[in-house]
Amino acid sequence: MKAILLAATLSLALVSTAYAQSFPAELTQLGIVAGMPYAKAKRLLDAAGWRAEPAQGAPESLDGFPEVGCQKGGKQCATTFEKDGQQIAVRLGTTLAGQPFVQSAD
């Protein structure tokens, strides 16, 4: 039983570590992680000098966040932040209540 618990704990740790490593260093240094509410991540990025441009070419923008472009129905959303000529693409999901959260970035 202890071996099963240890194996499960290690596998969860490895999965979360691997997932966290897929984020750009600029985001992890700011404390931005997968699952974080987008509003909080946006505040952190804004405070660090990153700026998001209004969504262009997307069928819809996310309510309250004109910089986030979404496919019809708001299920697949993304935005790009820029600073000093560098860009970071942030992909978002929405909760059942419609609140956006950070899924991934590169």
C-alpha atoms as a PDB file:
ATOM      1  CA  MET A   1       0.000   0.000   0.000  1.00  0.00           C
ATOM      2  CA  LYS A   2       2.821   2.424   0.857  1.00  0.00           C
ATOM      3  CA  ALA A   3       4.506   1.636  -2.472  1.00  0.00           C
ATOM      4  CA  ILE A   4       1.328   2.470  -4.400  1.00  0.00           C
ATOM      5  CA  LEU A   5       0.917   5.744  -2.522  1.00  0.00           C
ATOM      6  CA  LEU A   6       4.563   6.647  -3.146  1.00  0.00           C
ATOM      7  CA  ALA A   7       4.280   5.811  -6.855  1.00  0.00           C
ATOM      8  CA  ALA A   8       1.123   7.919  -7.189  1.00  0.00           C
ATOM      9  CA  THR A   9       2.727  10.851  -5.382  1.00  0.00           C
ATOM     10  CA  LEU A  10       5.856  10.701  -7.538  1.00  0.00           C
ATOM     11  CA  SER A  11       3.885  10.502 -10.761  1.00  0.00           C
ATOM     12  CA  LEU A  12       1.831  13.546  -9.786  1.00  0.00           C
ATOM     13  CA  ALA A  13       4.984  15.448  -8.898  1.00  0.00           C
ATOM     14  CA  LEU A  14       6.597  14.548 -12.221  1.00  0.00           C
ATOM     15  CA  VAL A  15       3.519  15.542 -14.217  1.00  0.00           C
ATOM     16  CA  SER A  16       3.154  18.884 -12.462  1.00  0.00           C
ATOM     17  CA  THR A  17       6.875  19.595 -12.803  1.00  0.00           C
ATOM     18  CA  ALA A  18       6.866  18.754 -16.503  1.00  0.00           C
ATOM     19  CA  TYR A  19       3.793  20.906 -17.081  1.00  0.00           C
ATOM     20  CA  ALA A  20       5.281  23.846 -15.185  1.00  0.00           C
ATOM     21  CA  GLN A  21       8.482  23.624 -17.242  1.00  0.00           C
ATOM     22  CA  SER A  22       6.507  24.264 -20.428  1.00  0.00           C
ATOM     23  CA  PHE A  23       5.862  27.853 -19.324  1.00  0.00           C
ATOM     24  CA  PRO A  24       8.269  30.600 -20.425  1.00  0.00           C
ATOM     25  CA  ALA A  25      10.675  31.716 -17.708  1.00  0.00           C
ATOM     26  CA  GLU A  26       9.232  35.232 -17.896  1.00  0.00           C
ATOM     27  CA  LEU A  27       5.884  33.905 -16.659  1.00  0.00           C
ATOM     28  CA  THR A  28       7.198  31.556 -13.988  1.00  0.00           C
ATOM     29  CA  GLN A  29       9.358  34.359 -12.579  1.00  0.00           C
ATOM     30  CA  LEU A  30       6.168  36.374 -12.125  1.00  0.00           C
ATOM     31  CA  GLY A  31       4.451  33.432 -10.389  1.00  0.00           C
ATOM     32  CA  ILE A  32       2.094  32.692 -13.280  1.00  0.00           C
ATOM     33  CA  VAL A  33       1.108  29.021 -13.429  1.00  0.00           C
ATOM     34  CA  ALA A  34      -1.448  26.849 -15.185  1.00  0.00           C
ATOM     35  CA  GLY A  35      -4.879  27.177 -13.625  1.00  0.00           C
ATOM     36  CA  MET A  36      -4.313  30.747 -12.412  1.00  0.00           C
ATOM     37  CA  PRO A  37      -7.234  33.094 -13.045  1.00  0.00           C
ATOM     38  CA  TYR A  38      -6.460  35.151 -16.148  1.00  0.00           C
ATOM     39  CA  ALA A  39      -7.355  38.439 -14.414  1.00  0.00           C
ATOM     40  CA  LYS A  40      -4.598  37.829 -11.843  1.00  0.00           C
ATOM     41  CA  ALA A  41      -2.060  36.773 -14.504  1.00  0.00           C
ATOM     42  CA  LYS A  42      -2.911  39.878 -16.545  1.00  0.00           C
ATOM     43  CA  ARG A  43      -2.355  42.136 -13.512  1.00  0.00           C
ATOM     44  CA  LEU A  44       1.051  40.532 -12.913  1.00  0.00           C
ATOM     45  CA  LEU A  45       2.042  40.900 -16.567  1.00  0.00           C
ATOM     46  CA  ASP A  46       0.831  44.519 -16.713  1.00  0.00           C
ATOM     47  CA  ALA A  47       2.807  45.368 -13.557  1.00  0.00           C
ATOM     48  CA  ALA A  48       5.951  43.854 -15.129  1.00  0.00           C
ATOM     49  CA  GLY A  49       5.586  46.002 -18.248  1.00  0.00           C
ATOM     50  CA  TRP A  50       4.034  43.409 -20.599  1.00  0.00           C
ATOM     51  CA  ARG A  51       1.239  44.760 -22.807  1.00  0.00           C
ATOM     52  CA  ALA A  52      -1.514  42.865 -24.585  1.00  0.00           C
ATOM     53  CA  GLU A  53      -2.837  44.075 -27.895  1.00  0.00           C
ATOM     54  CA  PRO A  54      -6.566  43.959 -28.725  1.00  0.00           C
ATOM     55  CA  ALA A  55      -7.531  40.684 -30.395  1.00  0.00           C
ATOM     56  CA  GLN A  56      -7.562  40.913 -34.201  1.00  0.00           C
ATOM     57  CA  GLY A  57      -9.011  38.381 -36.609  1.00  0.00           C
ATOM     58  CA  ALA A  58     -10.722  36.330 -33.902  1.00  0.00           C
ATOM     59  CA  PRO A  59     -14.441  35.603 -34.256  1.00  0.00           C
ATOM     60  CA  GLU A  60     -15.114  36.822 -30.684  1.00  0.00           C
ATOM     61  CA  SER A  61     -13.379  38.541 -27.798  1.00  0.00           C
ATOM     62  CA  LEU A  62     -13.802  37.423 -24.215  1.00  0.00           C
ATOM     63  CA  ASP A  63     -16.270  39.476 -22.162  1.00  0.00           C
ATOM     64  CA  GLY A  64     -14.349  42.021 -20.107  1.00  0.00           C
ATOM     65  CA  PHE A  65     -11.057  41.211 -21.843  1.00  0.00           C
ATOM     66  CA  PRO A  66     -10.966  42.784 -25.332  1.00  0.00           C
ATOM     67  CA  GLU A  67      -7.374  41.612 -25.806  1.00  0.00           C
ATOM     68  CA  VAL A  68      -8.436  37.939 -25.694  1.00  0.00           C
ATOM     69  CA  GLY A  69      -9.555  36.406 -28.969  1.00  0.00           C
ATOM     70  CA  CYS A  70     -11.774  33.305 -28.922  1.00  0.00           C
ATOM     71  CA  GLN A  71     -13.290  30.804 -31.291  1.00  0.00           C
ATOM     72  CA  LYS A  72     -17.100  30.815 -31.433  1.00  0.00           C
ATOM     73  CA  GLY A  73     -18.516  29.931 -28.013  1.00  0.00           C
ATOM     74  CA  GLY A  74     -15.475  31.131 -26.047  1.00  0.00           C
ATOM     75  CA  LYS A  75     -14.016  27.663 -25.465  1.00  0.00           C
ATOM     76  CA  GLN A  76     -10.610  28.207 -27.094  1.00  0.00           C
ATOM     77  CA  CYS A  77      -9.138  31.600 -26.318  1.00  0.00           C
ATOM     78  CA  ALA A  78      -5.693  33.193 -26.576  1.00  0.00           C
ATOM     79  CA  THR A  79      -3.857  36.479 -26.344  1.00  0.00           C
ATOM     80  CA  THR A  80      -0.330  37.720 -26.920  1.00  0.00           C
ATOM     81  CA  PHE A  81       1.676  39.915 -24.577  1.00  0.00           C
ATOM     82  CA  GLU A  82       4.611  42.006 -25.821  1.00  0.00           C
ATOM     83  CA  LYS A  83       7.562  43.631 -24.086  1.00  0.00           C
ATOM     84  CA  ASP A  84      10.814  44.960 -25.563  1.00  0.00           C
ATOM     85  CA  GLY A  85      10.178  43.208 -28.891  1.00  0.00           C
ATOM     86  CA  GLN A  86       9.512  39.849 -27.249  1.00  0.00           C
ATOM     87  CA  GLN A  87       6.134  38.082 -27.442  1.00  0.00           C
ATOM     88  CA  ILE A  88       4.450  35.482 -25.252  1.00  0.00           C
ATOM     89  CA  ALA A  89       1.309  33.682 -26.411  1.00  0.00           C
ATOM     90  CA  VAL A  90      -1.049  32.737 -23.581  1.00  0.00           C
ATOM     91  CA  ARG A  91      -3.818  30.175 -24.144  1.00  0.00           C
ATOM     92  CA  LEU A  92      -6.845  30.341 -21.897  1.00  0.00           C
ATOM     93  CA  GLY A  93      -9.690  28.118 -20.868  1.00  0.00           C
ATOM     94  CA  THR A  94     -12.916  29.097 -19.167  1.00  0.00           C
ATOM     95  CA  THR A  95     -14.546  27.630 -16.093  1.00  0.00           C
ATOM     96  CA  LEU A  96     -18.151  26.465 -16.104  1.00  0.00           C
ATOM     97  CA  ALA A  97     -18.993  29.894 -14.690  1.00  0.00           C
ATOM     98  CA  GLY A  98     -17.276  31.516 -17.686  1.00  0.00           C
ATOM     99  CA  GLN A  99     -14.194  32.789 -15.823  1.00  0.00           C
ATOM    100  CA  PRO A 100     -10.959  32.642 -17.876  1.00  0.00           C
ATOM    101  CA  PHE A 101      -7.881  30.859 -16.564  1.00  0.00           C
ATOM    102  CA  VAL A 102      -4.347  30.299 -17.892  1.00  0.00           C
ATOM    103  CA  GLN A 103      -3.928  26.927 -19.624  1.00  0.00           C
ATOM    104  CA  SER A 104      -0.538  27.214 -21.276  1.00  0.00           C
ATOM    105  CA  ALA A 105       1.918  29.652 -22.793  1.00  0.00           C
ATOM    106  CA  ASP A 106       4.898  29.829 -25.100  1.00  0.00           C
END
